[in-house]
C-alpha atoms as a PDB file:
ATOM      1  CA  MET A   1      11.605 -17.159  -6.640  1.00  0.00           C
ATOM      2  CA  LEU A   2       9.407 -16.690  -9.690  1.00  0.00           C
ATOM      3  CA  ASP A   3       8.682 -13.122 -10.725  1.00  0.00           C
ATOM      4  CA  GLN A   4       5.176 -11.749 -10.614  1.00  0.00           C
ATOM      5  CA  TYR A   5       4.369 -13.138 -14.035  1.00  0.00           C
ATOM      6  CA  ALA A   6       6.076 -16.494 -13.561  1.00  0.00           C
ATOM      7  CA  LEU A   7       3.095 -17.866 -11.667  1.00  0.00           C
ATOM      8  CA  GLY A   8      -0.064 -16.863 -13.482  1.00  0.00           C
ATOM      9  CA  LEU A   9      -3.691 -17.678 -13.027  1.00  0.00           C
ATOM     10  CA  ILE A  10      -6.093 -18.373 -15.853  1.00  0.00           C
ATOM     11  CA  LEU A  11      -9.773 -18.462 -15.152  1.00  0.00           C
ATOM     12  CA  TYR A  12     -11.752 -19.680 -18.125  1.00  0.00           C
ATOM     13  CA  SER A  13     -15.522 -19.528 -18.151  1.00  0.00           C
ATOM     14  CA  ASP A  14     -17.868 -21.074 -20.643  1.00  0.00           C
ATOM     15  CA  PHE A  15     -19.197 -18.154 -22.640  1.00  0.00           C
ATOM     16  CA  SER A  16     -20.503 -20.363 -25.445  1.00  0.00           C
ATOM     17  CA  VAL A  17     -23.952 -18.863 -24.904  1.00  0.00           C
ATOM     18  CA  PHE A  18     -22.541 -15.542 -26.080  1.00  0.00           C
ATOM     19  CA  THR A  19     -20.004 -16.737 -28.647  1.00  0.00           C
ATOM     20  CA  SER A  20     -21.873 -19.469 -30.481  1.00  0.00           C
ATOM     21  CA  ALA A  21     -23.496 -16.993 -32.829  1.00  0.00           C
ATOM     22  CA  ALA A  22     -20.276 -15.150 -33.552  1.00  0.00           C
ATOM     23  CA  THR A  23     -17.729 -17.984 -33.737  1.00  0.00           C
ATOM     24  CA  PRO A  24     -18.031 -21.276 -35.651  1.00  0.00           C
ATOM     25  CA  LEU A  25     -17.921 -24.360 -33.469  1.00  0.00           C
ATOM     26  CA  SER A  26     -14.784 -25.540 -35.194  1.00  0.00           C
ATOM     27  CA  HIS A  27     -12.949 -22.390 -34.053  1.00  0.00           C
ATOM     28  CA  GLN A  28     -14.173 -22.252 -30.473  1.00  0.00           C
ATOM     29  CA  ARG A  29     -11.622 -23.141 -27.825  1.00  0.00           C
ATOM     30  CA  PRO A  30     -12.450 -26.150 -25.599  1.00  0.00           C
ATOM     31  CA  LEU A  31     -13.579 -25.462 -22.057  1.00  0.00           C
ATOM     32  CA  LEU A  32     -10.642 -25.795 -19.670  1.00  0.00           C
ATOM     33  CA  PRO A  33     -10.623 -26.192 -15.893  1.00  0.00           C
ATOM     34  CA  VAL A  34     -11.440 -22.955 -14.125  1.00  0.00           C
ATOM     35  CA  TYR A  35      -7.999 -22.843 -12.506  1.00  0.00           C
ATOM     36  CA  GLN A  36      -4.936 -23.688 -14.498  1.00  0.00           C
ATOM     37  CA  LEU A  37      -1.561 -22.711 -13.043  1.00  0.00           C
ATOM     38  CA  PHE A  38       1.176 -22.270 -15.566  1.00  0.00           C
ATOM     39  CA  VAL A  39       4.748 -21.030 -15.857  1.00  0.00           C
ATOM     40  CA  SER A  40       5.359 -18.186 -18.229  1.00  0.00           C
ATOM     41  CA  SER A  41       7.643 -15.212 -18.616  1.00  0.00           C
ATOM     42  CA  GLU A  42       4.935 -12.982 -20.083  1.00  0.00           C
ATOM     43  CA  PRO A  43       1.774 -11.516 -18.570  1.00  0.00           C
ATOM     44  CA  ALA A  44      -1.384 -13.525 -19.171  1.00  0.00           C
ATOM     45  CA  GLN A  45      -3.325 -12.325 -22.192  1.00  0.00           C
ATOM     46  CA  PRO A  46      -7.122 -12.069 -22.213  1.00  0.00           C
ATOM     47  CA  ALA A  47      -8.727 -15.323 -23.302  1.00  0.00           C
ATOM     48  CA  GLN A  48     -10.114 -15.083 -26.798  1.00  0.00           C
ATOM     49  CA  CYS A  49     -13.124 -17.177 -25.843  1.00  0.00           C
ATOM     50  CA  ASN A  50     -14.261 -14.421 -23.486  1.00  0.00           C
ATOM     51  CA  THR A  51     -14.369 -11.682 -26.113  1.00  0.00           C
ATOM     52  CA  ILE A  52     -16.821 -11.058 -28.901  1.00  0.00           C
ATOM     53  CA  ARG A  53     -16.174  -9.036 -32.018  1.00  0.00           C
ATOM     54  CA  PHE A  54     -19.137  -7.065 -33.342  1.00  0.00           C
ATOM     55  CA  MET A  55     -19.250  -5.151 -36.609  1.00  0.00           C
ATOM     56  CA  HIS A  56     -20.159  -1.528 -35.969  1.00  0.00           C
ATOM     57  CA  LEU A  57     -22.373   0.296 -38.467  1.00  0.00           C
ATOM     58  CA  SER A  58     -19.323   2.186 -39.696  1.00  0.00           C
ATOM     59  CA  GLY A  59     -17.543  -1.080 -40.429  1.00  0.00           C
ATOM     60  CA  VAL A  60     -15.164  -0.864 -37.443  1.00  0.00           C
ATOM     61  CA  ALA A  61     -14.849  -4.052 -35.414  1.00  0.00           C
ATOM     62  CA  VAL A  62     -15.768  -3.612 -31.743  1.00  0.00           C
ATOM     63  CA  THR A  63     -14.525  -6.120 -29.168  1.00  0.00           C
ATOM     64  CA  VAL A  64     -16.420  -6.781 -25.938  1.00  0.00           C
ATOM     65  CA  ASN A  65     -14.472  -8.438 -23.130  1.00  0.00           C
ATOM     66  CA  TRP A  66     -16.975 -10.082 -20.840  1.00  0.00           C
ATOM     67  CA  HIS A  67     -14.540 -10.147 -17.916  1.00  0.00           C
ATOM     68  CA  TRP A  68     -14.553  -6.320 -17.946  1.00  0.00           C
ATOM     69  CA  VAL A  69     -18.356  -6.269 -18.153  1.00  0.00           C
ATOM     70  CA  TRP A  70     -18.590  -8.621 -15.162  1.00  0.00           C
ATOM     71  CA  LEU A  71     -16.016  -6.606 -13.215  1.00  0.00           C
ATOM     72  CA  VAL A  72     -18.051  -3.404 -13.558  1.00  0.00           C
ATOM     73  CA  ILE A  73     -21.365  -5.109 -12.731  1.00  0.00           C
ATOM     74  CA  ALA A  74     -19.929  -7.061  -9.786  1.00  0.00           C
ATOM     75  CA  THR A  75     -18.221  -4.062  -8.196  1.00  0.00           C
ATOM     76  CA  PHE A  76     -21.333  -1.921  -8.699  1.00  0.00           C
ATOM     77  CA  LEU A  77     -23.380  -4.560  -6.851  1.00  0.00           C
ATOM     78  CA  ALA A  78     -20.614  -4.870  -4.247  1.00  0.00           C
ATOM     79  CA  GLY A  79     -20.816  -1.141  -3.574  1.00  0.00           C
ATOM     80  CA  MET A  80     -24.566  -1.444  -3.013  1.00  0.00           C
ATOM     81  CA  LEU A  81     -24.186  -4.411  -0.650  1.00  0.00           C
ATOM     82  CA  ASN A  82     -21.369  -2.818   1.343  1.00  0.00           C
ATOM     83  CA  ALA A  83     -23.472   0.280   1.933  1.00  0.00           C
ATOM     84  CA  VAL A  84     -26.557  -1.528   3.251  1.00  0.00           C
ATOM     85  CA  ALA A  85     -25.526  -4.962   4.544  1.00  0.00           C
ATOM     86  CA  GLY A  86     -21.815  -5.657   3.930  1.00  0.00           C
ATOM     87  CA  GLY A  87     -20.402  -8.632   2.089  1.00  0.00           C
ATOM     88  CA  GLY A  88     -19.624  -6.871  -1.188  1.00  0.00           C
ATOM     89  CA  SER A  89     -16.231  -8.595  -1.366  1.00  0.00           C
ATOM     90  CA  PHE A  90     -18.043 -11.849  -2.126  1.00  0.00           C
ATOM     91  CA  LEU A  91     -18.643 -10.350  -5.577  1.00  0.00           C
ATOM     92  CA  SER A  92     -15.798  -7.903  -6.133  1.00  0.00           C
ATOM     93  CA  PHE A  93     -12.905 -10.207  -5.165  1.00  0.00           C
ATOM     94  CA  PRO A  94     -13.860 -13.106  -7.498  1.00  0.00           C
ATOM     95  CA  ALA A  95     -14.526 -10.568 -10.261  1.00  0.00           C
ATOM     96  CA  LEU A  96     -11.018  -9.144  -9.892  1.00  0.00           C
ATOM     97  CA  LEU A  97      -9.584 -12.662  -9.754  1.00  0.00           C
ATOM     98  CA  SER A  98     -11.314 -13.422 -13.053  1.00  0.00           C
ATOM     99  CA  MET A  99      -9.216 -10.693 -14.701  1.00  0.00           C
ATOM    100  CA  LYS A 100      -6.340 -13.214 -14.550  1.00  0.00           C
ATOM    101  CA  ILE A 101      -4.266 -11.360 -11.977  1.00  0.00           C
ATOM    102  CA  LEU A 102      -2.511 -13.147  -9.132  1.00  0.00           C
ATOM    103  CA  PRO A 103      -4.661 -13.946  -6.043  1.00  0.00           C
ATOM    104  CA  VAL A 104      -2.754 -11.724  -3.606  1.00  0.00           C
ATOM    105  CA  GLN A 105      -2.867  -8.847  -6.099  1.00  0.00           C
ATOM    106  CA  ALA A 106      -6.609  -9.387  -6.572  1.00  0.00           C
ATOM    107  CA  ASN A 107      -7.169  -9.171  -2.815  1.00  0.00           C
ATOM    108  CA  ALA A 108      -4.965  -6.070  -2.480  1.00  0.00           C
ATOM    109  CA  THR A 109      -6.687  -4.388  -5.441  1.00  0.00           C
ATOM    110  CA  ASN A 110     -10.084  -5.185  -3.935  1.00  0.00           C
ATOM    111  CA  THR A 111      -9.080  -3.617  -0.597  1.00  0.00           C
ATOM    112  CA  VAL A 112      -7.907  -0.414  -2.281  1.00  0.00           C
ATOM    113  CA  ALA A 113     -10.981  -0.233  -4.515  1.00  0.00           C
ATOM    114  CA  ILE A 114     -13.551  -0.430  -1.720  1.00  0.00           C
ATOM    115  CA  TRP A 115     -11.722   1.617   0.938  1.00  0.00           C
ATOM    116  CA  PRO A 116     -12.666   5.151  -0.246  1.00  0.00           C
ATOM    117  CA  GLY A 117     -16.326   4.294   0.170  1.00  0.00           C
ATOM    118  CA  GLN A 118     -15.750   3.721   3.878  1.00  0.00           C
ATOM    119  CA  LEU A 119     -14.726   7.353   4.383  1.00  0.00           C
ATOM    120  CA  THR A 120     -18.340   8.467   4.051  1.00  0.00           C
ATOM    121  CA  SER A 121     -19.270   6.203   6.976  1.00  0.00           C
ATOM    122  CA  VAL A 122     -16.927   8.103   9.290  1.00  0.00           C
ATOM    123  CA  ALA A 123     -18.537  11.370   8.245  1.00  0.00           C
ATOM    124  CA  ALA A 124     -21.968   9.924   9.032  1.00  0.00           C
ATOM    125  CA  TYR A 125     -20.899   8.878  12.558  1.00  0.00           C
ATOM    126  CA  ARG A 126     -18.639  11.844  13.393  1.00  0.00           C
ATOM    127  CA  TYR A 127     -20.889  12.992  16.268  1.00  0.00           C
ATOM    128  CA  ASP A 128     -20.867   9.547  17.898  1.00  0.00           C
ATOM    129  CA  VAL A 129     -17.096   9.284  17.382  1.00  0.00           C
ATOM    130  CA  ARG A 130     -16.610  12.570  19.277  1.00  0.00           C
ATOM    131  CA  ARG A 131     -18.850  11.338  22.106  1.00  0.00           C
ATOM    132  CA  ASN A 132     -16.722   8.178  22.451  1.00  0.00           C
ATOM    133  CA  LEU A 133     -13.380   9.693  21.537  1.00  0.00           C
ATOM    134  CA  ARG A 134     -11.218   7.707  23.997  1.00  0.00           C
ATOM    135  CA  ALA A 135     -12.740   4.390  22.921  1.00  0.00           C
ATOM    136  CA  ALA A 136     -12.485   5.453  19.264  1.00  0.00           C
ATOM    137  CA  MET A 137      -8.772   6.148  19.678  1.00  0.00           C
ATOM    138  CA  LEU A 138      -8.296   2.745  21.312  1.00  0.00           C
ATOM    139  CA  MET A 139     -10.178   0.953  18.523  1.00  0.00           C
ATOM    140  CA  GLY A 140      -8.342   2.964  15.873  1.00  0.00           C
ATOM    141  CA  PHE A 141      -4.955   2.012  17.342  1.00  0.00           C
ATOM    142  CA  ALA A 142      -6.007  -1.642  17.421  1.00  0.00           C
ATOM    143  CA  GLY A 143      -7.071  -1.313  13.779  1.00  0.00           C
ATOM    144  CA  LEU A 144      -3.674   0.084  12.788  1.00  0.00           C
ATOM    145  CA  LEU A 145      -1.741  -2.656  14.601  1.00  0.00           C
ATOM    146  CA  GLY A 146      -3.865  -5.555  13.403  1.00  0.00           C
ATOM    147  CA  GLY A 147      -4.316  -4.223   9.875  1.00  0.00           C
ATOM    148  CA  THR A 148      -0.556  -3.745   9.474  1.00  0.00           C
ATOM    149  CA  ALA A 149       0.181  -7.292  10.630  1.00  0.00           C
ATOM    150  CA  GLY A 150      -2.538  -8.779   8.418  1.00  0.00           C
ATOM    151  CA  ALA A 151      -1.371  -6.939   5.307  1.00  0.00           C
ATOM    152  CA  ILE A 152       2.282  -7.928   5.859  1.00  0.00           C
ATOM    153  CA  VAL A 153       1.356 -11.587   6.378  1.00  0.00           C
ATOM    154  CA  LEU A 154      -0.766 -11.491   3.196  1.00  0.00           C
ATOM    155  CA  LEU A 155       2.139 -10.118   1.151  1.00  0.00           C
ATOM    156  CA  ASN A 156       4.358 -12.914   2.462  1.00  0.00           C
ATOM    157  CA  THR A 157       1.823 -15.661   1.726  1.00  0.00           C
ATOM    158  CA  PRO A 158       2.690 -17.691  -1.412  1.00  0.00           C
ATOM    159  CA  GLN A 159       0.224 -17.209  -4.252  1.00  0.00           C
ATOM    160  CA  THR A 160      -0.800 -20.872  -4.402  1.00  0.00           C
ATOM    161  CA  THR A 161      -1.247 -21.038  -0.624  1.00  0.00           C
ATOM    162  CA  PHE A 162      -3.541 -18.009  -0.633  1.00  0.00           C
ATOM    163  CA  LEU A 163      -5.465 -19.430  -3.584  1.00  0.00           C
ATOM    164  CA  HIS A 164      -6.145 -22.615  -1.608  1.00  0.00           C
ATOM    165  CA  LEU A 165      -7.211 -20.499   1.388  1.00  0.00           C
ATOM    166  CA  VAL A 166      -9.714 -18.433  -0.639  1.00  0.00           C
ATOM    167  CA  PRO A 167     -12.685 -20.873  -0.485  1.00  0.00           C
ATOM    168  CA  TRP A 168     -12.158 -21.351   3.260  1.00  0.00           C
ATOM    169  CA  LEU A 169     -12.021 -17.581   3.796  1.00  0.00           C
ATOM    170  CA  LEU A 170     -15.205 -17.120   1.776  1.00  0.00           C
ATOM    171  CA  LEU A 171     -16.921 -19.941   3.664  1.00  0.00           C
ATOM    172  CA  GLY A 172     -15.905 -18.443   7.006  1.00  0.00           C
ATOM    173  CA  ALA A 173     -17.091 -14.973   6.030  1.00  0.00           C
ATOM    174  CA  ALA A 174     -20.422 -16.331   4.729  1.00  0.00           C
ATOM    175  CA  SER A 175     -20.860 -18.246   7.996  1.00  0.00           C
ATOM    176  CA  ILE A 176     -20.326 -15.002   9.927  1.00  0.00           C
ATOM    177  CA  PHE A 177     -23.196 -13.404   8.014  1.00  0.00           C
ATOM    178  CA  ALA A 178     -25.327 -16.536   8.445  1.00  0.00           C
ATOM    179  CA  VAL A 179     -25.110 -16.404  12.245  1.00  0.00           C
ATOM    180  CA  SER A 180     -25.417 -12.627  12.445  1.00  0.00           C
ATOM    181  CA  GLY A 181     -29.198 -12.774  12.913  1.00  0.00           C
ATOM    182  CA  PRO A 182     -29.239 -15.209  15.872  1.00  0.00           C
ATOM    183  CA  VAL A 183     -26.201 -13.552  17.429  1.00  0.00           C
ATOM    184  CA  SER A 184     -27.848 -10.131  17.152  1.00  0.00           C
ATOM    185  CA  ARG A 185     -30.939 -11.434  18.938  1.00  0.00           C
ATOM    186  CA  TRP A 186     -28.740 -12.941  21.667  1.00  0.00           C
ATOM    187  CA  LEU A 187     -26.954  -9.619  22.075  1.00  0.00           C
ATOM    188  CA  GLU A 188     -30.310  -7.865  22.438  1.00  0.00           C
ATOM    189  CA  ARG A 189     -31.219 -10.226  25.285  1.00  0.00           C
ATOM    190  CA  LEU A 190     -27.805  -9.567  26.845  1.00  0.00           C
ATOM    191  CA  LYS A 191     -28.399  -5.812  26.711  1.00  0.00           C
ATOM    192  CA  ARG A 192     -31.812  -6.185  28.354  1.00  0.00           C
ATOM    193  CA  SER A 193     -30.303  -8.168  31.207  1.00  0.00           C
ATOM    194  CA  ARG A 194     -27.634  -5.495  31.642  1.00  0.00           C
ATOM    195  CA  ARG A 195     -30.307  -2.810  31.830  1.00  0.00           C
ATOM    196  CA  GLU A 196     -32.097  -4.794  34.505  1.00  0.00           C
ATOM    197  CA  ARG A 197     -28.869  -5.057  36.521  1.00  0.00           C
ATOM    198  CA  ALA A 198     -28.262  -1.334  36.002  1.00  0.00           C
ATOM    199  CA  THR A 199     -31.722  -0.617  37.389  1.00  0.00           C
ATOM    200  CA  ALA A 200     -30.767  -2.660  40.432  1.00  0.00           C
ATOM    201  CA  GLY A 201     -27.578  -0.622  40.806  1.00  0.00           C
ATOM    202  CA  GLN A 202     -25.216  -3.262  39.392  1.00  0.00           C
ATOM    203  CA  THR A 203     -23.357  -1.404  36.634  1.00  0.00           C
ATOM    204  CA  ARG A 204     -20.033  -2.279  35.043  1.00  0.00           C
ATOM    205  CA  ALA A 205     -17.899  -0.157  32.717  1.00  0.00           C
ATOM    206  CA  PRO A 206     -16.833  -1.606  29.360  1.00  0.00           C
ATOM    207  CA  ARG A 207     -13.680  -3.720  29.613  1.00  0.00           C
ATOM    208  CA  ARG A 208     -11.310  -1.849  27.342  1.00  0.00           C
ATOM    209  CA  MET A 209      -8.079  -3.839  27.520  1.00  0.00           C
ATOM    210  CA  PRO A 210      -9.633  -7.213  26.570  1.00  0.00           C
ATOM    211  CA  LEU A 211     -11.584  -5.371  23.871  1.00  0.00           C
ATOM    212  CA  PHE A 212      -8.374  -3.795  22.568  1.00  0.00           C
ATOM    213  CA  LEU A 213      -6.624  -7.176  22.284  1.00  0.00           C
ATOM    214  CA  ALA A 214      -9.617  -8.816  20.619  1.00  0.00           C
ATOM    215  CA  ALA A 215      -9.926  -5.873  18.199  1.00  0.00           C
ATOM    216  CA  ILE A 216      -6.291  -6.392  17.129  1.00  0.00           C
ATOM    217  CA  VAL A 217      -7.144 -10.002  16.187  1.00  0.00           C
ATOM    218  CA  VAL A 218     -10.177  -8.925  14.127  1.00  0.00           C
ATOM    219  CA  SER A 219      -8.136  -6.132  12.523  1.00  0.00           C
ATOM    220  CA  PHE A 220      -5.513  -8.704  11.516  1.00  0.00           C
ATOM    221  CA  TYR A 221      -8.274 -10.506   9.617  1.00  0.00           C
ATOM    222  CA  VAL A 222      -9.302  -7.184   8.056  1.00  0.00           C
ATOM    223  CA  GLY A 223      -5.776  -6.597   6.746  1.00  0.00           C
ATOM    224  CA  TYR A 224      -5.530 -10.147   5.451  1.00  0.00           C
ATOM    225  CA  PHE A 225      -8.988 -10.625   3.869  1.00  0.00           C
ATOM    226  CA  GLY A 226     -11.706  -8.737   5.718  1.00  0.00           C
ATOM    227  CA  ALA A 227     -15.110  -9.905   4.462  1.00  0.00           C
ATOM    228  CA  GLY A 228     -17.634  -9.874   7.331  1.00  0.00           C
ATOM    229  CA  ALA A 229     -15.306  -8.045   9.737  1.00  0.00           C
ATOM    230  CA  GLY A 230     -17.838  -5.297  10.454  1.00  0.00           C
ATOM    231  CA  PHE A 231     -20.165  -7.741  12.205  1.00  0.00           C
ATOM    232  CA  LEU A 232     -17.230  -9.191  14.181  1.00  0.00           C
ATOM    233  CA  PHE A 233     -16.389  -5.721  15.492  1.00  0.00           C
ATOM    234  CA  MET A 234     -20.008  -5.094  16.471  1.00  0.00           C
ATOM    235  CA  THR A 235     -20.186  -8.419  18.312  1.00  0.00           C
ATOM    236  CA  LEU A 236     -16.977  -7.685  20.218  1.00  0.00           C
ATOM    237  CA  LEU A 237     -18.148  -4.234  21.269  1.00  0.00           C
ATOM    238  CA  ALA A 238     -21.471  -5.593  22.510  1.00  0.00           C
ATOM    239  CA  LEU A 239     -19.817  -8.470  24.368  1.00  0.00           C
ATOM    240  CA  PHE A 240     -17.406  -6.138  26.156  1.00  0.00           C
ATOM    241  CA  GLY A 241     -20.065  -3.817  27.513  1.00  0.00           C
ATOM    242  CA  TYR A 242     -21.185  -1.313  24.839  1.00  0.00           C
ATOM    243  CA  GLU A 243     -24.950  -0.996  24.479  1.00  0.00           C
ATOM    244  CA  ASP A 244     -25.668   2.114  22.401  1.00  0.00           C
ATOM    245  CA  ILE A 245     -26.035   0.958  18.803  1.00  0.00           C
ATOM    246  CA  HIS A 246     -24.810   4.307  17.466  1.00  0.00           C
ATOM    247  CA  ALA A 247     -21.649   4.116  19.573  1.00  0.00           C
ATOM    248  CA  ILE A 248     -21.102   0.522  18.460  1.00  0.00           C
ATOM    249  CA  ASN A 249     -21.439   1.469  14.785  1.00  0.00           C
ATOM    250  CA  ALA A 250     -19.147   4.475  15.197  1.00  0.00           C
ATOM    251  CA  LEU A 251     -16.376   2.460  16.902  1.00  0.00           C
ATOM    252  CA  LYS A 252     -16.751  -0.332  14.341  1.00  0.00           C
ATOM    253  CA  VAL A 253     -16.349   2.140  11.481  1.00  0.00           C
ATOM    254  CA  VAL A 254     -13.219   3.693  13.032  1.00  0.00           C
ATOM    255  CA  ALA A 255     -11.492   0.326  13.568  1.00  0.00           C
ATOM    256  CA  ASN A 256     -12.496  -1.032  10.161  1.00  0.00           C
ATOM    257  CA  LEU A 257     -11.500   2.166   8.359  1.00  0.00           C
ATOM    258  CA  LEU A 258      -8.028   2.345   9.902  1.00  0.00           C
ATOM    259  CA  ALA A 259      -7.331  -1.391   9.542  1.00  0.00           C
ATOM    260  CA  ASN A 260      -8.247  -1.236   5.859  1.00  0.00           C
ATOM    261  CA  GLY A 261      -6.548   2.139   5.475  1.00  0.00           C
ATOM    262  CA  ILE A 262      -3.131   0.957   6.661  1.00  0.00           C
ATOM    263  CA  ALA A 263      -3.476  -2.140   4.470  1.00  0.00           C
ATOM    264  CA  PHE A 264      -4.411   0.238   1.619  1.00  0.00           C
ATOM    265  CA  ILE A 265      -1.114   2.119   2.065  1.00  0.00           C
ATOM    266  CA  ILE A 266       1.007  -1.028   2.424  1.00  0.00           C
ATOM    267  CA  PHE A 267      -0.442  -2.603  -0.721  1.00  0.00           C
ATOM    268  CA  ILE A 268       0.166   0.563  -2.755  1.00  0.00           C
ATOM    269  CA  VAL A 269       3.736   1.011  -1.503  1.00  0.00           C
ATOM    270  CA  ASP A 270       4.515  -2.644  -2.237  1.00  0.00           C
ATOM    271  CA  GLY A 271       3.172  -2.306  -5.788  1.00  0.00           C
ATOM    272  CA  GLN A 272       0.459  -4.941  -5.396  1.00  0.00           C
ATOM    273  CA  VAL A 273      -2.395  -2.863  -6.837  1.00  0.00           C
ATOM    274  CA  VAL A 274      -3.386  -3.370 -10.473  1.00  0.00           C
ATOM    275  CA  TRP A 275      -4.584   0.167 -11.133  1.00  0.00           C
ATOM    276  CA  ARG A 276      -6.344  -0.322 -14.464  1.00  0.00           C
ATOM    277  CA  TYR A 277      -8.763  -2.694 -12.727  1.00  0.00           C
ATOM    278  CA  CYS A 278      -8.742  -0.876  -9.387  1.00  0.00           C
ATOM    279  CA  LEU A 279      -9.906   2.454 -10.809  1.00  0.00           C
ATOM    280  CA  ALA A 280     -12.759   0.848 -12.746  1.00  0.00           C
ATOM    281  CA  ALA A 281     -13.821  -1.105  -9.632  1.00  0.00           C
ATOM    282  CA  MET A 282     -13.523   1.990  -7.438  1.00  0.00           C
ATOM    283  CA  ILE A 283     -15.782   4.071  -9.675  1.00  0.00           C
ATOM    284  CA  ALA A 284     -18.361   1.297 -10.081  1.00  0.00           C
ATOM    285  CA  ALA A 285     -18.419   0.606  -6.318  1.00  0.00           C
ATOM    286  CA  ALA A 286     -18.836   4.321  -5.548  1.00  0.00           C
ATOM    287  CA  ILE A 287     -21.804   4.565  -7.928  1.00  0.00           C
ATOM    288  CA  GLY A 288     -23.270   1.406  -6.403  1.00  0.00           C
ATOM    289  CA  GLY A 289     -22.897   2.826  -2.910  1.00  0.00           C
ATOM    290  CA  TYR A 290     -24.670   6.012  -3.971  1.00  0.00           C
ATOM    291  CA  ALA A 291     -27.501   4.004  -5.514  1.00  0.00           C
ATOM    292  CA  SER A 292     -27.833   1.788  -2.429  1.00  0.00           C
ATOM    293  CA  ALA A 293     -30.535   3.993  -0.907  1.00  0.00           C
ATOM    294  CA  ILE A 294     -33.047   2.498  -3.334  1.00  0.00           C
ATOM    295  CA  LEU A 295     -32.085  -1.039  -2.282  1.00  0.00           C
ATOM    296  CA  ALA A 296     -32.152  -0.191   1.424  1.00  0.00           C
ATOM    297  CA  LYS A 297     -35.662   1.279   1.207  1.00  0.00           C
ATOM    298  CA  ARG A 298     -37.231  -1.490  -0.864  1.00  0.00           C
ATOM    299  CA  VAL A 299     -35.570  -4.669   0.437  1.00  0.00           C
ATOM    300  CA  PRO A 300     -35.881  -5.738   4.116  1.00  0.00           C
ATOM    301  CA  GLN A 301     -32.621  -6.217   6.037  1.00  0.00           C
ATOM    302  CA  PRO A 302     -33.156  -9.972   6.650  1.00  0.00           C
ATOM    303  CA  VAL A 303     -33.609 -10.477   2.908  1.00  0.00           C
ATOM    304  CA  LEU A 304     -30.393  -8.578   2.193  1.00  0.00           C
ATOM    305  CA  ARG A 305     -28.528 -10.626   4.813  1.00  0.00           C
ATOM    306  CA  GLY A 306     -29.870 -13.840   3.286  1.00  0.00           C
ATOM    307  CA  LEU A 307     -28.796 -12.683  -0.172  1.00  0.00           C
ATOM    308  CA  VAL A 308     -25.263 -12.012   1.095  1.00  0.00           C
ATOM    309  CA  VAL A 309     -25.116 -15.490   2.686  1.00  0.00           C
ATOM    310  CA  ILE A 310     -26.304 -17.175  -0.525  1.00  0.00           C
ATOM    311  CA  ILE A 311     -23.761 -15.282  -2.618  1.00  0.00           C
ATOM    312  CA  GLY A 312     -20.941 -16.057  -0.166  1.00  0.00           C
ATOM    313  CA  LEU A 313     -21.743 -19.752   0.113  1.00  0.00           C
ATOM    314  CA  GLY A 314     -22.179 -19.998  -3.652  1.00  0.00           C
ATOM    315  CA  MET A 315     -18.790 -18.417  -4.302  1.00  0.00           C
ATOM    316  CA  ALA A 316     -17.146 -20.657  -1.700  1.00  0.00           C
ATOM    317  CA  ALA A 317     -18.723 -23.760  -3.266  1.00  0.00           C
ATOM    318  CA  TRP A 318     -17.587 -22.649  -6.728  1.00  0.00           C
ATOM    319  CA  PHE A 319     -13.980 -22.192  -5.573  1.00  0.00           C
ATOM    320  CA  PHE A 320     -14.012 -25.547  -3.761  1.00  0.00           C
ATOM    321  CA  ALA A 321     -15.396 -27.306  -6.853  1.00  0.00           C
ATOM    322  CA  THR A 322     -12.840 -25.803  -9.229  1.00  0.00           C
ATOM    323  CA  GLN A 323      -9.701 -26.392  -7.191  1.00  0.00           C
END
């Protein structure tokens, strides 16, 4: 088996717009395919075509690596999206992949980087979690089981196999967001019909065992990739009898937090996290999450959902085109 540097990933982007003024055409490197797998015994070095050297006023040369700039911007925007609509991984995961780290490591690093921001969600729903403590414990246990299985399967997936799965995972996650509007309206009609039956004396308690099994399946997806899982949890909870939106959000947060949390621990223990990128992404995402209040107040939710779908489909198309 090749070591972690034996199978590398180079992502080259055409930064000629930025470099043409600083580098003569005769010295610029030709544009290569976006993905180029290669065998090497050394870690991949940053591509020279993605850096620019500026002369500071003091005469000291300053180098700007545009991959780092994009990583900070993308994870900042991802933090904003995750806080108000979800789908931030559509930006943060490709940005981490562009740092020329292996695909599985990029996914693990992305999971670790965005997980701390989910802790604040639990604090916001702590009252509703206490009101639905038994269901929260059930959903949390399902999150632990599914998240553990998903993370272990991810770590045992070959790098090239996962790379070929990435566009399909992004397409599936974007499709989840695309249907979230119609599905939400259907769930509202379902709740109204349940209220009418309740008025007529026909009530039925939520079906917990089928919900538990279905939550394990969704949590497996969370541990493996996870984009769009929040809406899947909400749909499951509504389908299996929960009607209070605050209870649904609280149970979703518990399951998602624990599924990602156990994956967080497994990825760290297995040494899959690239910390120099993870810490930068974590800080940028936290700042983006804090700044999300401005976005939430000024941009309607349907517009945000549409933006997430466009970004997801665009990223999926880009990965399909470059493979």
